[in-house]
N, C-alpha and C. Protein backbone atom coordinates (compact mmCIF):
# COMPACT_ATOMS: atom_id res chain seq x y z
N MET A 1 206.43 -19.56 22.50
CA MET A 1 206.39 -20.76 21.67
C MET A 1 207.74 -21.49 21.73
N ARG A 2 207.71 -22.79 21.84
CA ARG A 2 208.93 -23.57 21.96
C ARG A 2 209.74 -23.50 20.67
N ASP A 3 211.06 -23.30 20.81
CA ASP A 3 211.96 -23.35 19.67
C ASP A 3 212.63 -24.72 19.68
N GLY A 4 212.02 -25.69 19.01
CA GLY A 4 212.54 -27.05 19.05
C GLY A 4 213.66 -27.32 18.08
N CYS A 5 213.82 -26.45 17.06
CA CYS A 5 214.83 -26.67 16.02
C CYS A 5 215.60 -25.39 15.76
N ARG A 6 216.84 -25.54 15.37
CA ARG A 6 217.67 -24.40 14.96
C ARG A 6 218.20 -24.65 13.54
N ILE A 7 218.15 -23.64 12.69
CA ILE A 7 218.73 -23.68 11.35
C ILE A 7 219.88 -22.68 11.33
N PHE A 8 221.00 -23.06 10.75
CA PHE A 8 222.17 -22.19 10.75
C PHE A 8 223.06 -22.52 9.56
N PHE A 9 223.98 -21.61 9.26
CA PHE A 9 224.94 -21.81 8.19
C PHE A 9 226.14 -22.62 8.69
N ILE A 10 226.66 -23.47 7.82
CA ILE A 10 227.94 -24.13 8.04
C ILE A 10 228.75 -24.03 6.75
N GLU A 11 230.04 -24.27 6.86
CA GLU A 11 230.88 -24.37 5.67
C GLU A 11 230.93 -25.83 5.24
N ALA A 12 230.70 -26.07 3.97
CA ALA A 12 230.71 -27.43 3.44
C ALA A 12 231.49 -27.46 2.13
N GLU A 13 231.96 -28.63 1.77
CA GLU A 13 232.70 -28.76 0.53
C GLU A 13 231.74 -28.76 -0.65
N ASP A 14 232.07 -27.98 -1.68
CA ASP A 14 231.21 -27.95 -2.86
C ASP A 14 231.62 -29.02 -3.85
N ASP A 15 230.97 -29.05 -5.01
CA ASP A 15 231.22 -30.10 -6.00
C ASP A 15 232.61 -30.00 -6.63
N PHE A 16 233.28 -28.90 -6.41
CA PHE A 16 234.58 -28.69 -7.03
C PHE A 16 235.73 -28.75 -6.03
N GLY A 17 235.43 -29.21 -4.82
CA GLY A 17 236.47 -29.35 -3.80
C GLY A 17 236.73 -28.09 -3.01
N GLY A 18 235.96 -27.04 -3.28
CA GLY A 18 236.10 -25.80 -2.53
C GLY A 18 235.14 -25.74 -1.37
N GLN A 19 235.04 -24.57 -0.76
CA GLN A 19 234.16 -24.38 0.39
C GLN A 19 232.96 -23.52 0.00
N ALA A 20 231.80 -23.89 0.50
CA ALA A 20 230.58 -23.14 0.23
C ALA A 20 229.73 -23.13 1.49
N MET A 21 228.84 -22.16 1.57
CA MET A 21 227.93 -22.10 2.70
C MET A 21 226.76 -23.08 2.46
N ALA A 22 226.37 -23.77 3.53
CA ALA A 22 225.26 -24.73 3.44
C ALA A 22 224.38 -24.57 4.68
N LEU A 23 223.17 -25.05 4.57
CA LEU A 23 222.26 -25.02 5.72
C LEU A 23 222.42 -26.28 6.55
N ASP A 24 222.28 -26.13 7.86
CA ASP A 24 222.31 -27.27 8.77
C ASP A 24 221.20 -27.10 9.79
N ILE A 25 220.89 -28.17 10.48
CA ILE A 25 219.81 -28.17 11.46
C ILE A 25 220.25 -28.91 12.71
N ALA A 26 219.77 -28.43 13.85
CA ALA A 26 219.92 -29.14 15.12
C ALA A 26 218.57 -29.15 15.82
N VAL A 27 218.29 -30.23 16.54
CA VAL A 27 217.03 -30.37 17.27
C VAL A 27 217.35 -30.31 18.76
N ASP A 28 216.70 -29.38 19.46
CA ASP A 28 217.01 -29.12 20.86
C ASP A 28 215.96 -29.63 21.84
N ASP A 29 214.91 -30.25 21.31
CA ASP A 29 213.80 -30.66 22.17
C ASP A 29 213.29 -32.02 21.68
N ASP A 30 213.21 -32.98 22.58
CA ASP A 30 212.72 -34.31 22.19
C ASP A 30 211.30 -34.26 21.61
N ALA A 31 210.53 -33.23 21.97
CA ALA A 31 209.16 -33.12 21.49
C ALA A 31 209.05 -32.26 20.23
N ALA A 32 210.19 -31.91 19.63
CA ALA A 32 210.17 -31.06 18.44
C ALA A 32 209.36 -31.72 17.32
N THR A 33 208.62 -30.89 16.61
CA THR A 33 207.73 -31.37 15.55
C THR A 33 208.15 -30.83 14.19
N VAL A 34 207.51 -31.34 13.16
CA VAL A 34 207.76 -30.82 11.81
C VAL A 34 207.32 -29.36 11.73
N ALA A 35 206.30 -28.98 12.49
CA ALA A 35 205.90 -27.57 12.54
C ALA A 35 207.04 -26.71 13.10
N ASP A 36 207.74 -27.20 14.12
CA ASP A 36 208.89 -26.47 14.66
C ASP A 36 209.98 -26.32 13.60
N TYR A 37 210.22 -27.39 12.87
CA TYR A 37 211.21 -27.39 11.79
C TYR A 37 210.85 -26.34 10.75
N LEU A 38 209.59 -26.29 10.33
CA LEU A 38 209.18 -25.33 9.31
C LEU A 38 209.23 -23.91 9.83
N ARG A 39 208.88 -23.69 11.10
CA ARG A 39 208.99 -22.34 11.67
C ARG A 39 210.44 -21.89 11.72
N ALA A 40 211.35 -22.81 12.06
CA ALA A 40 212.77 -22.47 12.08
C ALA A 40 213.25 -22.10 10.69
N LEU A 41 212.82 -22.83 9.68
CA LEU A 41 213.18 -22.51 8.30
C LEU A 41 212.65 -21.14 7.90
N ASP A 42 211.40 -20.87 8.23
CA ASP A 42 210.81 -19.58 7.87
C ASP A 42 211.55 -18.43 8.55
N GLY A 43 211.87 -18.60 9.83
CA GLY A 43 212.59 -17.56 10.56
C GLY A 43 213.97 -17.33 10.01
N PHE A 44 214.66 -18.42 9.67
CA PHE A 44 216.00 -18.29 9.10
C PHE A 44 215.95 -17.58 7.74
N ALA A 45 214.99 -17.97 6.91
CA ALA A 45 214.87 -17.36 5.59
C ALA A 45 214.57 -15.87 5.70
N ALA A 46 213.69 -15.50 6.62
CA ALA A 46 213.34 -14.09 6.79
C ALA A 46 214.55 -13.27 7.25
N ALA A 47 215.41 -13.88 8.04
CA ALA A 47 216.55 -13.15 8.60
C ALA A 47 217.75 -13.10 7.67
N HIS A 48 217.93 -14.14 6.83
CA HIS A 48 219.20 -14.27 6.12
C HIS A 48 219.10 -14.40 4.60
N LEU A 49 217.94 -14.72 4.06
CA LEU A 49 217.86 -15.03 2.65
C LEU A 49 217.01 -14.02 1.89
N ALA A 50 217.31 -13.84 0.63
CA ALA A 50 216.53 -12.93 -0.20
C ALA A 50 215.16 -13.53 -0.50
N ASP A 51 214.19 -12.68 -0.68
CA ASP A 51 212.84 -13.11 -1.05
C ASP A 51 212.89 -13.71 -2.45
N CYS A 52 212.34 -14.92 -2.60
CA CYS A 52 212.40 -15.58 -3.91
C CYS A 52 211.13 -15.37 -4.72
N TYR A 53 210.31 -14.39 -4.33
CA TYR A 53 209.10 -14.10 -5.09
C TYR A 53 209.45 -13.82 -6.55
N GLY A 54 208.78 -14.52 -7.46
CA GLY A 54 209.04 -14.34 -8.88
C GLY A 54 210.00 -15.36 -9.46
N CYS A 55 210.58 -16.20 -8.61
CA CYS A 55 211.46 -17.28 -9.09
C CYS A 55 210.68 -18.59 -8.98
N ASP A 56 210.51 -19.28 -10.10
CA ASP A 56 209.71 -20.50 -10.08
C ASP A 56 210.52 -21.73 -10.48
N GLY A 57 211.84 -21.68 -10.31
CA GLY A 57 212.68 -22.81 -10.71
C GLY A 57 212.31 -24.11 -10.03
N CYS A 58 212.00 -24.05 -8.74
CA CYS A 58 211.68 -25.28 -8.01
C CYS A 58 210.29 -25.80 -8.36
N CYS A 59 209.48 -25.00 -9.03
CA CYS A 59 208.12 -25.41 -9.37
C CYS A 59 208.07 -26.33 -10.59
N HIS A 60 209.23 -26.71 -11.08
CA HIS A 60 209.32 -27.66 -12.19
C HIS A 60 209.88 -29.00 -11.72
N GLU A 61 210.01 -29.17 -10.41
CA GLU A 61 210.53 -30.40 -9.84
C GLU A 61 209.38 -31.24 -9.26
N ARG A 62 209.64 -32.54 -9.10
CA ARG A 62 208.65 -33.42 -8.48
C ARG A 62 208.35 -32.94 -7.06
N ALA A 63 207.07 -32.91 -6.70
CA ALA A 63 206.66 -32.44 -5.38
C ALA A 63 205.77 -33.49 -4.72
N PRO A 64 206.36 -34.48 -4.05
CA PRO A 64 205.56 -35.51 -3.39
C PRO A 64 204.73 -34.94 -2.24
N LEU A 65 203.58 -35.53 -2.02
CA LEU A 65 202.72 -35.13 -0.93
C LEU A 65 202.89 -36.07 0.26
N ILE A 66 202.61 -35.56 1.47
CA ILE A 66 202.64 -36.38 2.66
C ILE A 66 201.30 -36.25 3.38
N ALA A 67 201.04 -37.17 4.29
CA ALA A 67 199.74 -37.20 4.97
C ALA A 67 199.46 -35.90 5.71
N ALA A 68 200.49 -35.31 6.32
CA ALA A 68 200.28 -34.09 7.11
C ALA A 68 199.94 -32.88 6.24
N ASP A 69 200.13 -32.97 4.92
CA ASP A 69 199.74 -31.89 4.03
C ASP A 69 198.22 -31.80 3.86
N ILE A 70 197.55 -32.93 4.05
CA ILE A 70 196.14 -33.02 3.66
C ILE A 70 195.25 -32.06 4.44
N ALA A 71 195.50 -31.90 5.73
CA ALA A 71 194.62 -31.05 6.55
C ALA A 71 194.52 -29.64 6.01
N GLN A 72 195.63 -29.08 5.53
CA GLN A 72 195.60 -27.70 5.05
C GLN A 72 195.25 -27.59 3.57
N MET A 73 195.35 -28.69 2.82
CA MET A 73 195.09 -28.63 1.39
C MET A 73 193.68 -29.07 1.01
N ALA A 74 193.01 -29.80 1.90
CA ALA A 74 191.67 -30.30 1.60
C ALA A 74 190.63 -29.20 1.77
N GLU A 75 189.52 -29.35 1.05
CA GLU A 75 188.41 -28.42 1.21
C GLU A 75 187.77 -28.64 2.58
N PRO A 76 187.35 -27.58 3.25
CA PRO A 76 186.71 -27.73 4.58
C PRO A 76 185.52 -28.68 4.50
N GLY A 77 185.47 -29.59 5.46
CA GLY A 77 184.34 -30.49 5.55
C GLY A 77 184.37 -31.66 4.59
N ALA A 78 185.48 -31.86 3.88
CA ALA A 78 185.57 -32.98 2.94
C ALA A 78 185.40 -34.29 3.68
N ALA A 79 184.51 -35.16 3.19
CA ALA A 79 184.26 -36.43 3.86
C ALA A 79 185.46 -37.35 3.78
N TYR A 80 186.16 -37.29 2.66
CA TYR A 80 187.34 -38.13 2.45
C TYR A 80 188.48 -37.20 1.98
N PRO A 81 189.12 -36.51 2.92
CA PRO A 81 190.06 -35.44 2.55
C PRO A 81 191.24 -35.90 1.69
N ALA A 82 191.80 -37.08 1.97
CA ALA A 82 192.93 -37.54 1.17
C ALA A 82 192.50 -37.77 -0.28
N HIS A 83 191.33 -38.35 -0.47
CA HIS A 83 190.81 -38.56 -1.82
C HIS A 83 190.49 -37.23 -2.49
N GLN A 84 189.94 -36.28 -1.74
CA GLN A 84 189.58 -35.00 -2.33
C GLN A 84 190.82 -34.27 -2.84
N VAL A 85 191.89 -34.26 -2.03
CA VAL A 85 193.12 -33.59 -2.45
C VAL A 85 193.75 -34.31 -3.65
N CYS A 86 193.84 -35.62 -3.57
CA CYS A 86 194.49 -36.36 -4.65
C CYS A 86 193.70 -36.26 -5.95
N SER A 87 192.37 -36.31 -5.88
CA SER A 87 191.55 -36.19 -7.08
C SER A 87 191.72 -34.83 -7.73
N ALA A 88 191.84 -33.79 -6.91
CA ALA A 88 191.89 -32.43 -7.43
C ALA A 88 193.29 -31.99 -7.84
N LEU A 89 194.32 -32.46 -7.13
CA LEU A 89 195.64 -31.86 -7.28
C LEU A 89 196.78 -32.81 -7.60
N ALA A 90 196.58 -34.10 -7.46
CA ALA A 90 197.72 -35.02 -7.49
C ALA A 90 197.74 -35.93 -8.70
N SER A 91 198.95 -36.38 -8.99
CA SER A 91 199.16 -37.53 -9.86
C SER A 91 199.55 -38.68 -8.96
N TYR A 92 199.09 -39.87 -9.27
CA TYR A 92 199.40 -41.02 -8.42
C TYR A 92 199.64 -42.22 -9.31
N ALA A 93 200.63 -43.01 -8.90
CA ALA A 93 201.01 -44.17 -9.69
C ALA A 93 201.59 -45.22 -8.77
N VAL A 94 201.67 -46.44 -9.27
CA VAL A 94 202.28 -47.56 -8.55
C VAL A 94 203.35 -48.14 -9.45
N ASP A 95 204.59 -48.26 -8.93
CA ASP A 95 205.66 -48.78 -9.77
C ASP A 95 205.64 -50.30 -9.81
N ALA A 96 206.59 -50.87 -10.54
CA ALA A 96 206.60 -52.32 -10.74
C ALA A 96 206.79 -53.08 -9.44
N ALA A 97 207.39 -52.45 -8.45
CA ALA A 97 207.61 -53.10 -7.16
C ALA A 97 206.43 -52.93 -6.21
N GLY A 98 205.39 -52.22 -6.65
CA GLY A 98 204.22 -52.04 -5.81
C GLY A 98 204.27 -50.83 -4.91
N ALA A 99 205.26 -49.94 -5.13
CA ALA A 99 205.39 -48.75 -4.30
C ALA A 99 204.58 -47.60 -4.89
N ALA A 100 203.88 -46.87 -4.04
CA ALA A 100 203.04 -45.77 -4.49
C ALA A 100 203.85 -44.48 -4.62
N ASP A 101 203.47 -43.67 -5.58
CA ASP A 101 204.02 -42.32 -5.72
C ASP A 101 202.84 -41.37 -5.87
N ILE A 102 202.79 -40.37 -5.00
CA ILE A 102 201.71 -39.38 -5.02
C ILE A 102 202.37 -38.00 -4.98
N SER A 103 202.17 -37.21 -6.01
CA SER A 103 202.82 -35.90 -6.08
C SER A 103 201.90 -34.90 -6.77
N LEU A 104 202.21 -33.62 -6.61
CA LEU A 104 201.41 -32.59 -7.24
C LEU A 104 201.41 -32.78 -8.76
N ARG A 105 200.26 -32.60 -9.35
CA ARG A 105 200.10 -32.81 -10.79
C ARG A 105 200.87 -31.76 -11.57
N ARG A 106 201.34 -32.15 -12.75
CA ARG A 106 202.12 -31.27 -13.61
C ARG A 106 201.28 -30.73 -14.76
N ALA A 107 201.58 -29.52 -15.19
CA ALA A 107 200.97 -28.96 -16.39
C ALA A 107 201.69 -29.53 -17.62
N ASP A 108 201.21 -29.19 -18.79
CA ASP A 108 201.79 -29.73 -20.02
C ASP A 108 203.26 -29.34 -20.20
N ASP A 109 203.66 -28.19 -19.64
CA ASP A 109 205.05 -27.75 -19.77
C ASP A 109 205.95 -28.31 -18.68
N GLY A 110 205.40 -29.19 -17.83
CA GLY A 110 206.18 -29.81 -16.78
C GLY A 110 206.19 -29.05 -15.47
N SER A 111 205.56 -27.88 -15.44
CA SER A 111 205.50 -27.11 -14.20
C SER A 111 204.39 -27.62 -13.30
N CYS A 112 204.45 -27.29 -12.03
CA CYS A 112 203.40 -27.66 -11.09
C CYS A 112 202.08 -27.02 -11.48
N MET A 113 201.00 -27.75 -11.31
CA MET A 113 199.68 -27.22 -11.67
C MET A 113 199.28 -26.02 -10.82
N LEU A 114 199.92 -25.83 -9.66
CA LEU A 114 199.59 -24.71 -8.78
C LEU A 114 200.40 -23.46 -9.11
N LEU A 115 201.30 -23.55 -10.08
CA LEU A 115 202.13 -22.40 -10.43
C LEU A 115 201.32 -21.37 -11.21
N ASP A 116 201.36 -20.13 -10.75
CA ASP A 116 200.81 -19.01 -11.50
C ASP A 116 201.88 -18.57 -12.48
N GLY A 117 201.74 -18.94 -13.74
CA GLY A 117 202.78 -18.69 -14.72
C GLY A 117 203.03 -17.24 -15.01
N GLU A 118 202.03 -16.39 -14.85
CA GLU A 118 202.21 -14.97 -15.12
C GLU A 118 202.97 -14.28 -14.00
N ARG A 119 202.68 -14.64 -12.78
CA ARG A 119 203.32 -14.00 -11.62
C ARG A 119 204.54 -14.79 -11.15
N HIS A 120 204.76 -15.99 -11.70
CA HIS A 120 205.90 -16.84 -11.34
C HIS A 120 205.94 -17.11 -9.84
N CYS A 121 204.79 -17.50 -9.30
CA CYS A 121 204.71 -17.85 -7.88
C CYS A 121 203.58 -18.85 -7.69
N CYS A 122 203.56 -19.46 -6.53
CA CYS A 122 202.56 -20.48 -6.23
C CYS A 122 201.20 -19.83 -5.99
N SER A 123 200.17 -20.38 -6.63
CA SER A 123 198.83 -19.84 -6.45
C SER A 123 198.23 -20.24 -5.11
N ARG A 124 198.87 -21.20 -4.43
CA ARG A 124 198.40 -21.62 -3.10
C ARG A 124 199.58 -21.62 -2.13
N HIS A 125 200.31 -20.52 -2.14
CA HIS A 125 201.56 -20.43 -1.38
C HIS A 125 201.35 -20.73 0.10
N LEU A 126 200.29 -20.22 0.70
CA LEU A 126 200.08 -20.38 2.13
C LEU A 126 199.71 -21.81 2.52
N THR A 127 199.24 -22.59 1.57
CA THR A 127 198.86 -23.98 1.87
C THR A 127 199.67 -24.96 1.02
N ARG A 128 200.84 -24.55 0.56
CA ARG A 128 201.69 -25.44 -0.22
C ARG A 128 202.18 -26.59 0.66
N PRO A 129 202.53 -27.73 0.07
CA PRO A 129 202.89 -28.90 0.88
C PRO A 129 204.28 -28.79 1.51
N PHE A 130 204.57 -29.74 2.40
CA PHE A 130 205.83 -29.75 3.14
C PHE A 130 207.04 -29.69 2.22
N VAL A 131 207.05 -30.48 1.16
CA VAL A 131 208.25 -30.55 0.31
C VAL A 131 208.57 -29.19 -0.30
N CYS A 132 207.55 -28.37 -0.56
CA CYS A 132 207.78 -27.03 -1.07
C CYS A 132 208.22 -26.08 0.04
N ARG A 133 207.61 -26.21 1.20
CA ARG A 133 207.97 -25.35 2.34
C ARG A 133 209.41 -25.57 2.80
N SER A 134 209.91 -26.77 2.62
CA SER A 134 211.24 -27.11 3.14
C SER A 134 212.33 -27.01 2.08
N HIS A 135 212.00 -26.48 0.90
CA HIS A 135 212.98 -26.37 -0.18
C HIS A 135 213.66 -25.01 -0.15
N PHE A 136 214.99 -25.02 -0.27
CA PHE A 136 215.76 -23.80 -0.44
C PHE A 136 216.82 -24.03 -1.50
N CYS A 137 217.11 -22.99 -2.28
CA CYS A 137 218.12 -23.12 -3.34
C CYS A 137 219.51 -22.93 -2.77
N LEU A 138 219.81 -23.71 -1.72
CA LEU A 138 221.11 -23.68 -1.07
C LEU A 138 221.50 -25.12 -0.74
N PRO A 139 222.80 -25.41 -0.72
CA PRO A 139 223.21 -26.75 -0.27
C PRO A 139 222.75 -27.00 1.15
N GLN A 140 222.51 -28.26 1.47
CA GLN A 140 222.11 -28.65 2.81
C GLN A 140 223.09 -29.68 3.35
N SER A 141 223.25 -29.68 4.66
CA SER A 141 224.09 -30.70 5.29
C SER A 141 223.48 -32.07 5.05
N ASP A 142 224.30 -33.10 5.22
CA ASP A 142 223.82 -34.46 5.01
C ASP A 142 222.67 -34.78 5.95
N ARG A 143 222.78 -34.37 7.22
CA ARG A 143 221.72 -34.73 8.16
C ARG A 143 220.43 -33.95 7.87
N MET A 144 220.55 -32.74 7.36
CA MET A 144 219.36 -31.99 7.01
C MET A 144 218.67 -32.61 5.79
N HIS A 145 219.46 -33.02 4.82
CA HIS A 145 218.91 -33.70 3.65
C HIS A 145 218.22 -35.01 4.05
N ARG A 146 218.85 -35.78 4.92
CA ARG A 146 218.28 -37.05 5.34
C ARG A 146 217.01 -36.87 6.16
N LEU A 147 216.94 -35.81 6.97
CA LEU A 147 215.73 -35.54 7.73
C LEU A 147 214.58 -35.24 6.78
N ARG A 148 214.79 -34.35 5.84
CA ARG A 148 213.73 -34.01 4.88
C ARG A 148 213.27 -35.25 4.12
N GLU A 149 214.23 -36.07 3.72
CA GLU A 149 213.91 -37.30 2.99
C GLU A 149 213.11 -38.26 3.87
N SER A 150 213.46 -38.38 5.14
CA SER A 150 212.74 -39.27 6.06
C SER A 150 211.31 -38.81 6.26
N ILE A 151 211.12 -37.48 6.39
CA ILE A 151 209.77 -36.94 6.57
C ILE A 151 208.92 -37.21 5.34
N VAL A 152 209.50 -37.00 4.15
CA VAL A 152 208.75 -37.23 2.92
C VAL A 152 208.41 -38.71 2.75
N ASN A 153 209.38 -39.58 2.96
CA ASN A 153 209.13 -41.02 2.75
C ASN A 153 208.09 -41.55 3.74
N SER A 154 208.23 -41.18 5.01
CA SER A 154 207.28 -41.63 6.02
C SER A 154 205.89 -41.06 5.74
N GLY A 155 205.84 -39.79 5.39
CA GLY A 155 204.56 -39.14 5.14
C GLY A 155 203.86 -39.63 3.89
N LEU A 156 204.65 -39.99 2.87
CA LEU A 156 204.06 -40.54 1.65
C LEU A 156 203.47 -41.92 1.93
N ASP A 157 204.17 -42.73 2.70
CA ASP A 157 203.62 -44.04 3.09
C ASP A 157 202.32 -43.87 3.88
N GLU A 158 202.31 -42.89 4.79
CA GLU A 158 201.11 -42.68 5.60
C GLU A 158 199.96 -42.17 4.74
N LEU A 159 200.25 -41.31 3.77
CA LEU A 159 199.20 -40.84 2.87
C LEU A 159 198.61 -42.01 2.08
N THR A 160 199.46 -42.90 1.62
CA THR A 160 198.98 -44.08 0.90
C THR A 160 198.08 -44.92 1.81
N ARG A 161 198.50 -45.09 3.08
CA ARG A 161 197.70 -45.85 4.04
C ARG A 161 196.34 -45.18 4.26
N LEU A 162 196.32 -43.84 4.32
CA LEU A 162 195.07 -43.12 4.51
C LEU A 162 194.14 -43.29 3.32
N ILE A 163 194.70 -43.26 2.12
CA ILE A 163 193.87 -43.44 0.93
C ILE A 163 193.23 -44.82 0.93
N LEU A 164 194.02 -45.84 1.26
CA LEU A 164 193.47 -47.20 1.34
C LEU A 164 192.38 -47.28 2.40
N ALA A 165 192.61 -46.64 3.55
CA ALA A 165 191.62 -46.68 4.63
C ALA A 165 190.34 -45.95 4.23
N GLU A 166 190.48 -44.82 3.51
CA GLU A 166 189.29 -44.10 3.08
C GLU A 166 188.45 -44.94 2.12
N GLU A 167 189.12 -45.65 1.22
CA GLU A 167 188.35 -46.49 0.28
C GLU A 167 187.69 -47.65 1.01
N ASP A 168 188.34 -48.18 2.03
CA ASP A 168 187.71 -49.22 2.84
C ASP A 168 186.47 -48.69 3.55
N ASN A 169 186.46 -47.37 3.81
CA ASN A 169 185.34 -46.75 4.51
C ASN A 169 184.33 -46.10 3.56
N GLY A 170 184.44 -46.41 2.26
CA GLY A 170 183.41 -45.97 1.33
C GLY A 170 183.77 -44.85 0.40
N ALA A 171 185.01 -44.38 0.40
CA ALA A 171 185.40 -43.31 -0.53
C ALA A 171 185.30 -43.80 -1.96
N PRO A 172 184.83 -42.97 -2.89
CA PRO A 172 184.82 -43.35 -4.30
C PRO A 172 186.25 -43.63 -4.76
N PRO A 173 186.49 -44.72 -5.47
CA PRO A 173 187.85 -45.06 -5.90
C PRO A 173 188.48 -43.95 -6.74
N LEU A 174 189.76 -43.74 -6.54
CA LEU A 174 190.49 -42.82 -7.41
C LEU A 174 190.51 -43.38 -8.83
N ASP A 175 190.69 -42.52 -9.81
CA ASP A 175 190.72 -42.95 -11.20
C ASP A 175 191.78 -44.04 -11.41
N GLY A 176 191.51 -44.92 -12.32
CA GLY A 176 192.46 -45.98 -12.61
C GLY A 176 192.41 -47.07 -11.57
N ASP A 177 193.47 -47.88 -11.52
CA ASP A 177 193.50 -49.01 -10.59
C ASP A 177 194.53 -48.78 -9.49
N PHE A 178 194.66 -47.52 -9.05
CA PHE A 178 195.69 -47.16 -8.08
C PHE A 178 195.63 -48.05 -6.84
N CYS A 179 194.51 -48.03 -6.13
CA CYS A 179 194.42 -48.80 -4.89
C CYS A 179 194.40 -50.30 -5.15
N ALA A 180 193.83 -50.70 -6.27
CA ALA A 180 193.78 -52.13 -6.58
C ALA A 180 195.17 -52.72 -6.76
N ARG A 181 196.13 -51.90 -7.13
CA ARG A 181 197.50 -52.37 -7.36
C ARG A 181 198.34 -52.33 -6.09
N LEU A 182 197.79 -51.82 -5.00
CA LEU A 182 198.53 -51.71 -3.75
C LEU A 182 198.22 -52.87 -2.82
N ASN A 183 199.20 -53.24 -2.04
CA ASN A 183 199.03 -54.26 -1.01
C ASN A 183 199.00 -53.54 0.34
N ALA A 184 197.84 -53.53 0.98
CA ALA A 184 197.70 -52.79 2.24
C ALA A 184 198.71 -53.24 3.30
N ALA A 185 199.13 -54.49 3.24
CA ALA A 185 200.10 -54.99 4.22
C ALA A 185 201.45 -54.29 4.09
N ASP A 186 201.71 -53.67 2.95
CA ASP A 186 202.97 -52.95 2.75
C ASP A 186 202.94 -51.57 3.40
N TYR A 187 201.79 -51.18 3.92
CA TYR A 187 201.64 -49.84 4.48
C TYR A 187 201.05 -49.88 5.89
N PRO A 188 201.77 -50.50 6.82
CA PRO A 188 201.31 -50.51 8.21
C PRO A 188 201.53 -49.14 8.84
N PRO A 189 200.89 -48.86 9.97
CA PRO A 189 201.15 -47.58 10.65
C PRO A 189 202.64 -47.41 10.96
N GLY A 190 203.17 -46.24 10.63
CA GLY A 190 204.59 -45.97 10.89
C GLY A 190 204.76 -44.72 11.72
N GLY A 191 205.91 -44.06 11.57
CA GLY A 191 206.21 -42.90 12.39
C GLY A 191 205.29 -41.72 12.19
N SER A 192 204.63 -41.65 11.03
CA SER A 192 203.71 -40.54 10.76
C SER A 192 202.27 -40.86 11.13
N ALA A 193 202.01 -42.08 11.56
CA ALA A 193 200.63 -42.49 11.85
C ALA A 193 200.03 -41.67 12.99
N GLY A 194 198.78 -41.29 12.83
CA GLY A 194 198.07 -40.57 13.87
C GLY A 194 198.31 -39.08 13.90
N ALA A 195 199.21 -38.58 13.05
CA ALA A 195 199.50 -37.15 13.01
C ALA A 195 198.73 -36.53 11.85
N SER A 196 197.77 -35.69 12.16
CA SER A 196 196.93 -35.11 11.12
C SER A 196 197.47 -33.79 10.58
N ASP A 197 198.48 -33.23 11.24
CA ASP A 197 199.09 -31.99 10.74
C ASP A 197 200.54 -31.93 11.19
N TYR A 198 201.24 -30.88 10.79
CA TYR A 198 202.66 -30.77 11.08
C TYR A 198 202.95 -30.66 12.58
N GLN A 199 202.04 -30.03 13.33
CA GLN A 199 202.26 -29.84 14.76
C GLN A 199 202.20 -31.16 15.52
N GLN A 200 201.49 -32.13 15.00
CA GLN A 200 201.38 -33.43 15.66
C GLN A 200 202.47 -34.40 15.20
N LEU A 201 203.26 -34.02 14.24
CA LEU A 201 204.24 -34.92 13.64
C LEU A 201 205.60 -34.72 14.31
N ARG A 202 205.94 -35.61 15.23
CA ARG A 202 207.19 -35.47 15.98
C ARG A 202 208.36 -35.99 15.17
N ILE A 203 209.43 -35.20 15.14
CA ILE A 203 210.63 -35.59 14.40
C ILE A 203 211.21 -36.88 14.96
N LYS A 204 211.19 -37.03 16.26
CA LYS A 204 211.76 -38.23 16.90
C LYS A 204 211.07 -39.50 16.43
N ASP A 205 209.78 -39.41 16.11
CA ASP A 205 209.03 -40.58 15.67
C ASP A 205 209.35 -40.98 14.23
N ILE A 206 209.94 -40.06 13.48
CA ILE A 206 210.19 -40.28 12.06
C ILE A 206 211.65 -40.58 11.77
N ALA A 207 212.55 -39.83 12.39
CA ALA A 207 213.97 -39.96 12.08
C ALA A 207 214.51 -41.30 12.56
N PRO A 208 215.28 -42.01 11.73
CA PRO A 208 215.95 -43.21 12.19
C PRO A 208 216.84 -42.90 13.39
N ALA A 209 217.10 -43.88 14.23
CA ALA A 209 217.82 -43.65 15.48
C ALA A 209 219.18 -42.99 15.26
N GLU A 210 219.91 -43.43 14.25
CA GLU A 210 221.24 -42.85 14.00
C GLU A 210 221.12 -41.37 13.62
N LEU A 211 220.14 -41.05 12.78
CA LEU A 211 219.94 -39.66 12.38
C LEU A 211 219.48 -38.82 13.57
N TRP A 212 218.59 -39.34 14.38
CA TRP A 212 218.13 -38.62 15.57
C TRP A 212 219.30 -38.29 16.48
N ALA A 213 220.21 -39.22 16.64
CA ALA A 213 221.39 -38.98 17.48
C ALA A 213 222.23 -37.83 16.92
N GLU A 214 222.34 -37.77 15.60
CA GLU A 214 223.11 -36.69 14.97
C GLU A 214 222.41 -35.35 15.13
N LEU A 215 221.10 -35.35 14.98
CA LEU A 215 220.33 -34.11 15.07
C LEU A 215 220.34 -33.52 16.47
N THR A 216 220.44 -34.36 17.48
CA THR A 216 220.36 -33.90 18.88
C THR A 216 221.71 -33.87 19.57
N LYS A 217 222.76 -34.16 18.85
CA LYS A 217 224.10 -34.16 19.44
C LYS A 217 224.48 -32.77 19.92
N LYS A 218 224.93 -32.67 21.14
CA LYS A 218 225.34 -31.39 21.70
C LYS A 218 226.72 -31.03 21.20
N GLU A 219 226.87 -29.80 20.75
CA GLU A 219 228.18 -29.36 20.25
C GLU A 219 229.14 -29.16 21.42
N ASP A 220 230.40 -29.52 21.17
CA ASP A 220 231.42 -29.35 22.22
C ASP A 220 231.75 -27.86 22.40
């Protein structure tokens, strides 16, 4: 299997002006995908980090969804998978500027609805979304942070585009006036378009040119 991404430790300045260990990423293959990125993270965690089973601190944070999450989170055979996932698991809103926000729904205590409160772990760990898979309780380099942010922003826009397309094709409207408040022209096909899962989602198609140059820069 191709190793398109590498995750490694670097020394970075902490909030107090000292030095701390942080995660960094490099991309070694122009065809590297988000699936390669996640495999690199999993391999690094298995080799270097303690198992976080039983720690649910990150399960109280906002967890936006992306289009590539839908394939693994939807019920098999769903006619309108984006609608099925959002209806069952998501909160969705449109801000005053017309931008969509779609994220995992919260329980009354502010925790993720997928959190098993007794076991302090995700009830759908194997099919959790990208933002959860790519989270670590460690500082990250600037380029690693920007890559994760680019994947989430591009994927959220694509998910919004998919929801609009599904309703155009007959999907029952989501509750409220979510789609009615969106302008489809604000969501043209972007870097995540056409990718139905992480393996089809190329990092090069998502990362801005300056970031891509940083990710693929050869070390001296």
